[in-house]
Amino acid sequence: MDSTQNKPLTIKEAADYLGLAVATLYKMTMRGTIPFYKPSGGRVYFKQEELEAWVFSKRTSSTAELQAQALTIRKGR
């Protein structure tokens, strides 16, 4: 495993990684919509693998996938 992936990311590094503004990322931490760490109650840190898991956790199916699912359901009747 790459040692840089285990290094905690600062809010700026995490924002750059996700392509978000730092202010947006702060709002997301305040709302609890993204996983983060705040070990001493001050600075906010992130784990890269948790950010990746968060990004890929909200998958939306394509139209083709939804149509295939609908056909499968219809055939099952």
PDB file of N, CA and C in Angstrom:
ATOM      1  N   MET A   1       0.851  -1.188   0.000  1.00  0.00           N
ATOM      2  CA  MET A   1       0.000   0.000   0.000  1.00  0.00           C
ATOM      3  C   MET A   1       0.891   1.244   0.000  1.00  0.00           C
ATOM      4  N   ASP A   2       0.510   2.232  -0.705  1.00  0.00           N
ATOM      5  CA  ASP A   2       1.243   3.485  -0.793  1.00  0.00           C
ATOM      6  C   ASP A   2       1.165   4.216   0.548  1.00  0.00           C
ATOM      7  N   SER A   3       2.328   4.608   1.091  1.00  0.00           N
ATOM      8  CA  SER A   3       2.340   5.268   2.403  1.00  0.00           C
ATOM      9  C   SER A   3       1.645   6.618   2.381  1.00  0.00           C
ATOM     10  N   THR A   4       1.577   7.282   1.238  1.00  0.00           N
ATOM     11  CA  THR A   4       0.885   8.578   1.167  1.00  0.00           C
ATOM     12  C   THR A   4      -0.611   8.402   1.339  1.00  0.00           C
ATOM     13  N   GLN A   5      -1.127   7.208   1.048  1.00  0.00           N
ATOM     14  CA  GLN A   5      -2.565   6.974   1.197  1.00  0.00           C
ATOM     15  C   GLN A   5      -2.938   6.841   2.673  1.00  0.00           C
ATOM     16  N   ASN A   6      -1.980   6.495   3.534  1.00  0.00           N
ATOM     17  CA  ASN A   6      -2.244   6.387   4.968  1.00  0.00           C
ATOM     18  C   ASN A   6      -2.098   7.720   5.680  1.00  0.00           C
ATOM     19  N   LYS A   7      -1.478   8.693   5.037  1.00  0.00           N
ATOM     20  CA  LYS A   7      -1.265  10.013   5.623  1.00  0.00           C
ATOM     21  C   LYS A   7      -2.601  10.746   5.703  1.00  0.00           C
ATOM     22  N   PRO A   8      -2.908  11.313   6.875  1.00  0.00           N
ATOM     23  CA  PRO A   8      -4.156  12.084   6.956  1.00  0.00           C
ATOM     24  C   PRO A   8      -4.098  13.307   6.045  1.00  0.00           C
ATOM     25  N   LEU A   9      -5.213  13.578   5.406  1.00  0.00           N
ATOM     26  CA  LEU A   9      -5.301  14.741   4.523  1.00  0.00           C
ATOM     27  C   LEU A   9      -5.827  15.937   5.298  1.00  0.00           C
ATOM     28  N   THR A  10      -5.257  17.090   5.046  1.00  0.00           N
ATOM     29  CA  THR A  10      -5.778  18.330   5.620  1.00  0.00           C
ATOM     30  C   THR A  10      -7.051  18.705   4.861  1.00  0.00           C
ATOM     31  N   ILE A  11      -7.747  19.696   5.347  1.00  0.00           N
ATOM     32  CA  ILE A  11      -8.971  20.127   4.669  1.00  0.00           C
ATOM     33  C   ILE A  11      -8.663  20.629   3.264  1.00  0.00           C
ATOM     34  N   LYS A  12      -7.550  21.318   3.089  1.00  0.00           N
ATOM     35  CA  LYS A  12      -7.158  21.818   1.762  1.00  0.00           C
ATOM     36  C   LYS A  12      -6.828  20.654   0.836  1.00  0.00           C
ATOM     37  N   GLU A  13      -6.066  19.675   1.331  1.00  0.00           N
ATOM     38  CA  GLU A  13      -5.717  18.516   0.509  1.00  0.00           C
ATOM     39  C   GLU A  13      -6.961  17.717   0.127  1.00  0.00           C
ATOM     40  N   ALA A  14      -7.872  17.545   1.077  1.00  0.00           N
ATOM     41  CA  ALA A  14      -9.107  16.810   0.805  1.00  0.00           C
ATOM     42  C   ALA A  14      -9.978  17.562  -0.195  1.00  0.00           C
ATOM     43  N   ALA A  15     -10.054  18.870  -0.055  1.00  0.00           N
ATOM     44  CA  ALA A  15     -10.846  19.678  -0.990  1.00  0.00           C
ATOM     45  C   ALA A  15     -10.259  19.579  -2.395  1.00  0.00           C
ATOM     46  N   ASP A  16      -8.941  19.670  -2.499  1.00  0.00           N
ATOM     47  CA  ASP A  16      -8.285  19.531  -3.801  1.00  0.00           C
ATOM     48  C   ASP A  16      -8.543  18.148  -4.385  1.00  0.00           C
ATOM     49  N   TYR A  17      -8.429  17.130  -3.564  1.00  0.00           N
ATOM     50  CA  TYR A  17      -8.624  15.746  -4.004  1.00  0.00           C
ATOM     51  C   TYR A  17     -10.039  15.538  -4.551  1.00  0.00           C
ATOM     52  N   LEU A  18     -11.021  16.115  -3.875  1.00  0.00           N
ATOM     53  CA  LEU A  18     -12.423  15.958  -4.276  1.00  0.00           C
ATOM     54  C   LEU A  18     -12.871  16.975  -5.315  1.00  0.00           C
ATOM     55  N   GLY A  19     -12.053  18.002  -5.540  1.00  0.00           N
ATOM     56  CA  GLY A  19     -12.436  19.043  -6.489  1.00  0.00           C
ATOM     57  C   GLY A  19     -13.485  19.978  -5.927  1.00  0.00           C
ATOM     58  N   LEU A  20     -13.435  20.202  -4.626  1.00  0.00           N
ATOM     59  CA  LEU A  20     -14.402  21.070  -3.955  1.00  0.00           C
ATOM     60  C   LEU A  20     -13.698  22.278  -3.362  1.00  0.00           C
ATOM     61  N   ALA A  21     -14.452  23.314  -3.084  1.00  0.00           N
ATOM     62  CA  ALA A  21     -13.917  24.460  -2.363  1.00  0.00           C
ATOM     63  C   ALA A  21     -13.778  24.081  -0.892  1.00  0.00           C
ATOM     64  N   VAL A  22     -12.790  24.648  -0.227  1.00  0.00           N
ATOM     65  CA  VAL A  22     -12.582  24.385   1.199  1.00  0.00           C
ATOM     66  C   VAL A  22     -13.842  24.739   1.984  1.00  0.00           C
ATOM     67  N   ALA A  23     -14.478  25.841   1.648  1.00  0.00           N
ATOM     68  CA  ALA A  23     -15.705  26.253   2.348  1.00  0.00           C
ATOM     69  C   ALA A  23     -16.807  25.205   2.197  1.00  0.00           C
ATOM     70  N   THR A  24     -16.922  24.630   1.029  1.00  0.00           N
ATOM     71  CA  THR A  24     -17.921  23.582   0.796  1.00  0.00           C
ATOM     72  C   THR A  24     -17.634  22.373   1.658  1.00  0.00           C
ATOM     73  N   LEU A  25     -16.377  21.989   1.728  1.00  0.00           N
ATOM     74  CA  LEU A  25     -15.993  20.836   2.538  1.00  0.00           C
ATOM     75  C   LEU A  25     -16.237  21.105   4.022  1.00  0.00           C
ATOM     76  N   TYR A  26     -15.951  22.315   4.489  1.00  0.00           N
ATOM     77  CA  TYR A  26     -16.262  22.669   5.877  1.00  0.00           C
ATOM     78  C   TYR A  26     -17.763  22.535   6.146  1.00  0.00           C
ATOM     79  N   LYS A  27     -18.587  23.012   5.225  1.00  0.00           N
ATOM     80  CA  LYS A  27     -20.045  22.896   5.395  1.00  0.00           C
ATOM     81  C   LYS A  27     -20.460  21.435   5.486  1.00  0.00           C
ATOM     82  N   MET A  28     -19.840  20.593   4.668  1.00  0.00           N
ATOM     83  CA  MET A  28     -20.177  19.166   4.681  1.00  0.00           C
ATOM     84  C   MET A  28     -19.796  18.515   6.009  1.00  0.00           C
ATOM     85  N   THR A  29     -18.683  18.953   6.603  1.00  0.00           N
ATOM     86  CA  THR A  29     -18.315  18.404   7.912  1.00  0.00           C
ATOM     87  C   THR A  29     -19.290  18.879   8.981  1.00  0.00           C
ATOM     88  N   MET A  30     -19.692  20.129   8.905  1.00  0.00           N
ATOM     89  CA  MET A  30     -20.646  20.671   9.879  1.00  0.00           C
ATOM     90  C   MET A  30     -21.993  19.940   9.814  1.00  0.00           C
ATOM     91  N   ARG A  31     -22.395  19.560   8.600  1.00  0.00           N
ATOM     92  CA  ARG A  31     -23.668  18.852   8.403  1.00  0.00           C
ATOM     93  C   ARG A  31     -23.548  17.356   8.643  1.00  0.00           C
ATOM     94  N   GLY A  32     -22.310  16.867   8.760  1.00  0.00           N
ATOM     95  CA  GLY A  32     -22.095  15.440   8.983  1.00  0.00           C
ATOM     96  C   GLY A  32     -22.337  14.591   7.754  1.00  0.00           C
ATOM     97  N   THR A  33     -22.148  15.167   6.576  1.00  0.00           N
ATOM     98  CA  THR A  33     -22.405  14.421   5.342  1.00  0.00           C
ATOM     99  C   THR A  33     -21.168  13.746   4.779  1.00  0.00           C
ATOM    100  N   ILE A  34     -20.001  13.956   5.401  1.00  0.00           N
ATOM    101  CA  ILE A  34     -18.764  13.378   4.917  1.00  0.00           C
ATOM    102  C   ILE A  34     -17.944  12.921   6.125  1.00  0.00           C
ATOM    103  N   PRO A  35     -17.262  11.769   6.027  1.00  0.00           N
ATOM    104  CA  PRO A  35     -16.481  11.294   7.177  1.00  0.00           C
ATOM    105  C   PRO A  35     -15.217  12.127   7.389  1.00  0.00           C
ATOM    106  N   PHE A  36     -14.940  12.454   8.645  1.00  0.00           N
ATOM    107  CA  PHE A  36     -13.757  13.254   8.968  1.00  0.00           C
ATOM    108  C   PHE A  36     -13.314  12.978  10.394  1.00  0.00           C
ATOM    109  N   TYR A  37     -12.150  13.494  10.740  1.00  0.00           N
ATOM    110  CA  TYR A  37     -11.578  13.346  12.083  1.00  0.00           C
ATOM    111  C   TYR A  37     -11.216  14.722  12.611  1.00  0.00           C
ATOM    112  N   LYS A  38     -11.409  14.906  13.900  1.00  0.00           N
ATOM    113  CA  LYS A  38     -11.079  16.166  14.552  1.00  0.00           C
ATOM    114  C   LYS A  38     -10.456  15.804  15.908  1.00  0.00           C
ATOM    115  N   PRO A  39      -9.197  15.319  15.880  1.00  0.00           N
ATOM    116  CA  PRO A  39      -8.601  14.719  17.077  1.00  0.00           C
ATOM    117  C   PRO A  39      -8.472  15.635  18.292  1.00  0.00           C
ATOM    118  N   SER A  40      -8.173  16.894  18.107  1.00  0.00           N
ATOM    119  CA  SER A  40      -8.000  17.774  19.267  1.00  0.00           C
ATOM    120  C   SER A  40      -9.064  18.867  19.302  1.00  0.00           C
ATOM    121  N   GLY A  41     -10.127  18.668  18.562  1.00  0.00           N
ATOM    122  CA  GLY A  41     -11.197  19.660  18.530  1.00  0.00           C
ATOM    123  C   GLY A  41     -10.878  20.867  17.673  1.00  0.00           C
ATOM    124  N   GLY A  42      -9.755  20.857  16.988  1.00  0.00           N
ATOM    125  CA  GLY A  42      -9.364  21.991  16.162  1.00  0.00           C
ATOM    126  C   GLY A  42      -9.365  21.649  14.687  1.00  0.00           C
ATOM    127  N   ARG A  43      -8.225  21.225  14.216  1.00  0.00           N
ATOM    128  CA  ARG A  43      -8.079  20.923  12.788  1.00  0.00           C
ATOM    129  C   ARG A  43      -8.862  19.691  12.371  1.00  0.00           C
ATOM    130  N   VAL A  44      -9.298  19.705  11.114  1.00  0.00           N
ATOM    131  CA  VAL A  44     -10.074  18.616  10.539  1.00  0.00           C
ATOM    132  C   VAL A  44      -9.168  17.823   9.603  1.00  0.00           C
ATOM    133  N   TYR A  45      -9.258  16.487   9.694  1.00  0.00           N
ATOM    134  CA  TYR A  45      -8.466  15.607   8.841  1.00  0.00           C
ATOM    135  C   TYR A  45      -9.364  14.573   8.183  1.00  0.00           C
ATOM    136  N   PHE A  46      -8.868  14.012   7.095  1.00  0.00           N
ATOM    137  CA  PHE A  46      -9.614  13.025   6.327  1.00  0.00           C
ATOM    138  C   PHE A  46      -8.696  11.875   5.957  1.00  0.00           C
ATOM    139  N   LYS A  47      -9.302  10.685   5.720  1.00  0.00           N
ATOM    140  CA  LYS A  47      -8.582   9.547   5.172  1.00  0.00           C
ATOM    141  C   LYS A  47      -8.977   9.426   3.708  1.00  0.00           C
ATOM    142  N   GLN A  48      -7.981   9.310   2.848  1.00  0.00           N
ATOM    143  CA  GLN A  48      -8.248   9.244   1.413  1.00  0.00           C
ATOM    144  C   GLN A  48      -9.166   8.075   1.067  1.00  0.00           C
ATOM    145  N   GLU A  49      -8.922   6.897   1.660  1.00  0.00           N
ATOM    146  CA  GLU A  49      -9.754   5.736   1.322  1.00  0.00           C
ATOM    147  C   GLU A  49     -11.200   5.926   1.779  1.00  0.00           C
ATOM    148  N   GLU A  50     -11.429   6.668   2.862  1.00  0.00           N
ATOM    149  CA  GLU A  50     -12.797   6.947   3.298  1.00  0.00           C
ATOM    150  C   GLU A  50     -13.479   7.958   2.380  1.00  0.00           C
ATOM    151  N   LEU A  51     -12.715   8.908   1.875  1.00  0.00           N
ATOM    152  CA  LEU A  51     -13.273   9.855   0.904  1.00  0.00           C
ATOM    153  C   LEU A  51     -13.674   9.129  -0.370  1.00  0.00           C
ATOM    154  N   GLU A  52     -12.822   8.201  -0.818  1.00  0.00           N
ATOM    155  CA  GLU A  52     -13.150   7.415  -2.015  1.00  0.00           C
ATOM    156  C   GLU A  52     -14.399   6.582  -1.785  1.00  0.00           C
ATOM    157  N   ALA A  53     -14.487   5.938  -0.628  1.00  0.00           N
ATOM    158  CA  ALA A  53     -15.669   5.134  -0.310  1.00  0.00           C
ATOM    159  C   ALA A  53     -16.918   6.009  -0.277  1.00  0.00           C
ATOM    160  N   TRP A  54     -16.797   7.208   0.271  1.00  0.00           N
ATOM    161  CA  TRP A  54     -17.935   8.133   0.327  1.00  0.00           C
ATOM    162  C   TRP A  54     -18.370   8.541  -1.084  1.00  0.00           C
ATOM    163  N   VAL A  55     -17.395   8.862  -1.934  1.00  0.00           N
ATOM    164  CA  VAL A  55     -17.697   9.276  -3.313  1.00  0.00           C
ATOM    165  C   VAL A  55     -18.441   8.162  -4.045  1.00  0.00           C
ATOM    166  N   PHE A  56     -17.974   6.928  -3.862  1.00  0.00           N
ATOM    167  CA  PHE A  56     -18.549   5.818  -4.622  1.00  0.00           C
ATOM    168  C   PHE A  56     -19.737   5.168  -3.924  1.00  0.00           C
ATOM    169  N   SER A  57     -20.180   5.714  -2.803  1.00  0.00           N
ATOM    170  CA  SER A  57     -21.306   5.116  -2.076  1.00  0.00           C
ATOM    171  C   SER A  57     -22.665   5.571  -2.594  1.00  0.00           C
ATOM    172  N   LYS A  58     -22.697   6.605  -3.364  1.00  0.00           N
ATOM    173  CA  LYS A  58     -23.972   7.185  -3.827  1.00  0.00           C
ATOM    174  C   LYS A  58     -24.146   6.981  -5.335  1.00  0.00           C
ATOM    175  N   ARG A  59     -24.023   5.741  -5.774  1.00  0.00           N
ATOM    176  CA  ARG A  59     -24.091   5.443  -7.197  1.00  0.00           C
ATOM    177  C   ARG A  59     -25.522   5.570  -7.719  1.00  0.00           C
ATOM    178  N   THR A  60     -25.655   6.137  -8.890  1.00  0.00           N
ATOM    179  CA  THR A  60     -26.932   6.241  -9.586  1.00  0.00           C
ATOM    180  C   THR A  60     -26.868   5.345 -10.814  1.00  0.00           C
ATOM    181  N   SER A  61     -27.857   4.493 -10.971  1.00  0.00           N
ATOM    182  CA  SER A  61     -27.893   3.585 -12.107  1.00  0.00           C
ATOM    183  C   SER A  61     -28.138   4.344 -13.404  1.00  0.00           C
ATOM    184  N   SER A  62     -27.562   3.825 -14.478  1.00  0.00           N
ATOM    185  CA  SER A  62     -27.791   4.428 -15.790  1.00  0.00           C
ATOM    186  C   SER A  62     -29.187   4.056 -16.286  1.00  0.00           C
ATOM    187  N   THR A  63     -29.657   4.762 -17.279  1.00  0.00           N
ATOM    188  CA  THR A  63     -30.964   4.475 -17.872  1.00  0.00           C
ATOM    189  C   THR A  63     -30.998   3.053 -18.420  1.00  0.00           C
ATOM    190  N   ALA A  64     -29.915   2.622 -19.047  1.00  0.00           N
ATOM    191  CA  ALA A  64     -29.853   1.264 -19.593  1.00  0.00           C
ATOM    192  C   ALA A  64     -29.973   0.224 -18.481  1.00  0.00           C
ATOM    193  N   GLU A  65     -29.312   0.463 -17.347  1.00  0.00           N
ATOM    194  CA  GLU A  65     -29.402  -0.471 -16.219  1.00  0.00           C
ATOM    195  C   GLU A  65     -30.818  -0.529 -15.663  1.00  0.00           C
ATOM    196  N   LEU A  66     -31.452   0.618 -15.551  1.00  0.00           N
ATOM    197  CA  LEU A  66     -32.822   0.657 -15.041  1.00  0.00           C
ATOM    198  C   LEU A  66     -33.789  -0.042 -15.988  1.00  0.00           C
ATOM    199  N   GLN A  67     -33.584   0.133 -17.293  1.00  0.00           N
ATOM    200  CA  GLN A  67     -34.430  -0.549 -18.276  1.00  0.00           C
ATOM    201  C   GLN A  67     -34.234  -2.058 -18.199  1.00  0.00           C
ATOM    202  N   ALA A  68     -32.990  -2.507 -18.014  1.00  0.00           N
ATOM    203  CA  ALA A  68     -32.711  -3.942 -17.896  1.00  0.00           C
ATOM    204  C   ALA A  68     -33.369  -4.514 -16.642  1.00  0.00           C
ATOM    205  N   GLN A  69     -33.342  -3.768 -15.552  1.00  0.00           N
ATOM    206  CA  GLN A  69     -33.997  -4.209 -14.323  1.00  0.00           C
ATOM    207  C   GLN A  69     -35.504  -4.298 -14.517  1.00  0.00           C
ATOM    208  N   ALA A  70     -36.063  -3.325 -15.215  1.00  0.00           N
ATOM    209  CA  ALA A  70     -37.508  -3.333 -15.473  1.00  0.00           C
ATOM    210  C   ALA A  70     -37.894  -4.547 -16.308  1.00  0.00           C
ATOM    211  N   LEU A  71     -37.091  -4.863 -17.321  1.00  0.00           N
ATOM    212  CA  LEU A  71     -37.367  -6.047 -18.150  1.00  0.00           C
ATOM    213  C   LEU A  71     -37.295  -7.328 -17.330  1.00  0.00           C
ATOM    214  N   THR A  72     -36.331  -7.402 -16.441  1.00  0.00           N
ATOM    215  CA  THR A  72     -36.188  -8.575 -15.591  1.00  0.00           C
ATOM    216  C   THR A  72     -37.403  -8.736 -14.693  1.00  0.00           C
ATOM    217  N   ILE A  73     -37.889  -7.632 -14.146  1.00  0.00           N
ATOM    218  CA  ILE A  73     -39.063  -7.675 -13.277  1.00  0.00           C
ATOM    219  C   ILE A  73     -40.293  -8.100 -14.070  1.00  0.00           C
ATOM    220  N   ARG A  74     -40.452  -7.542 -15.279  1.00  0.00           N
ATOM    221  CA  ARG A  74     -41.601  -7.897 -16.125  1.00  0.00           C
ATOM    222  C   ARG A  74     -41.591  -9.379 -16.490  1.00  0.00           C
ATOM    223  N   LYS A  75     -40.414  -9.917 -16.796  1.00  0.00           N
ATOM    224  CA  LYS A  75     -40.295 -11.330 -17.167  1.00  0.00           C
ATOM    225  C   LYS A  75     -40.596 -12.232 -15.979  1.00  0.00           C
ATOM    226  N   GLY A  76     -40.354 -11.740 -14.784  1.00  0.00           N
ATOM    227  CA  GLY A  76     -40.571 -12.530 -13.586  1.00  0.00           C
ATOM    228  C   GLY A  76     -42.035 -12.637 -13.176  1.00  0.00           C
ATOM    229  N   ARG A  77     -42.897 -11.897 -13.810  1.00  0.00           N
ATOM    230  CA  ARG A  77     -44.337 -11.908 -13.443  1.00  0.00           C
ATOM    231  C   ARG A  77     -45.006 -13.143 -13.904  1.00  0.00           C
TER     232      ARG A  77
END
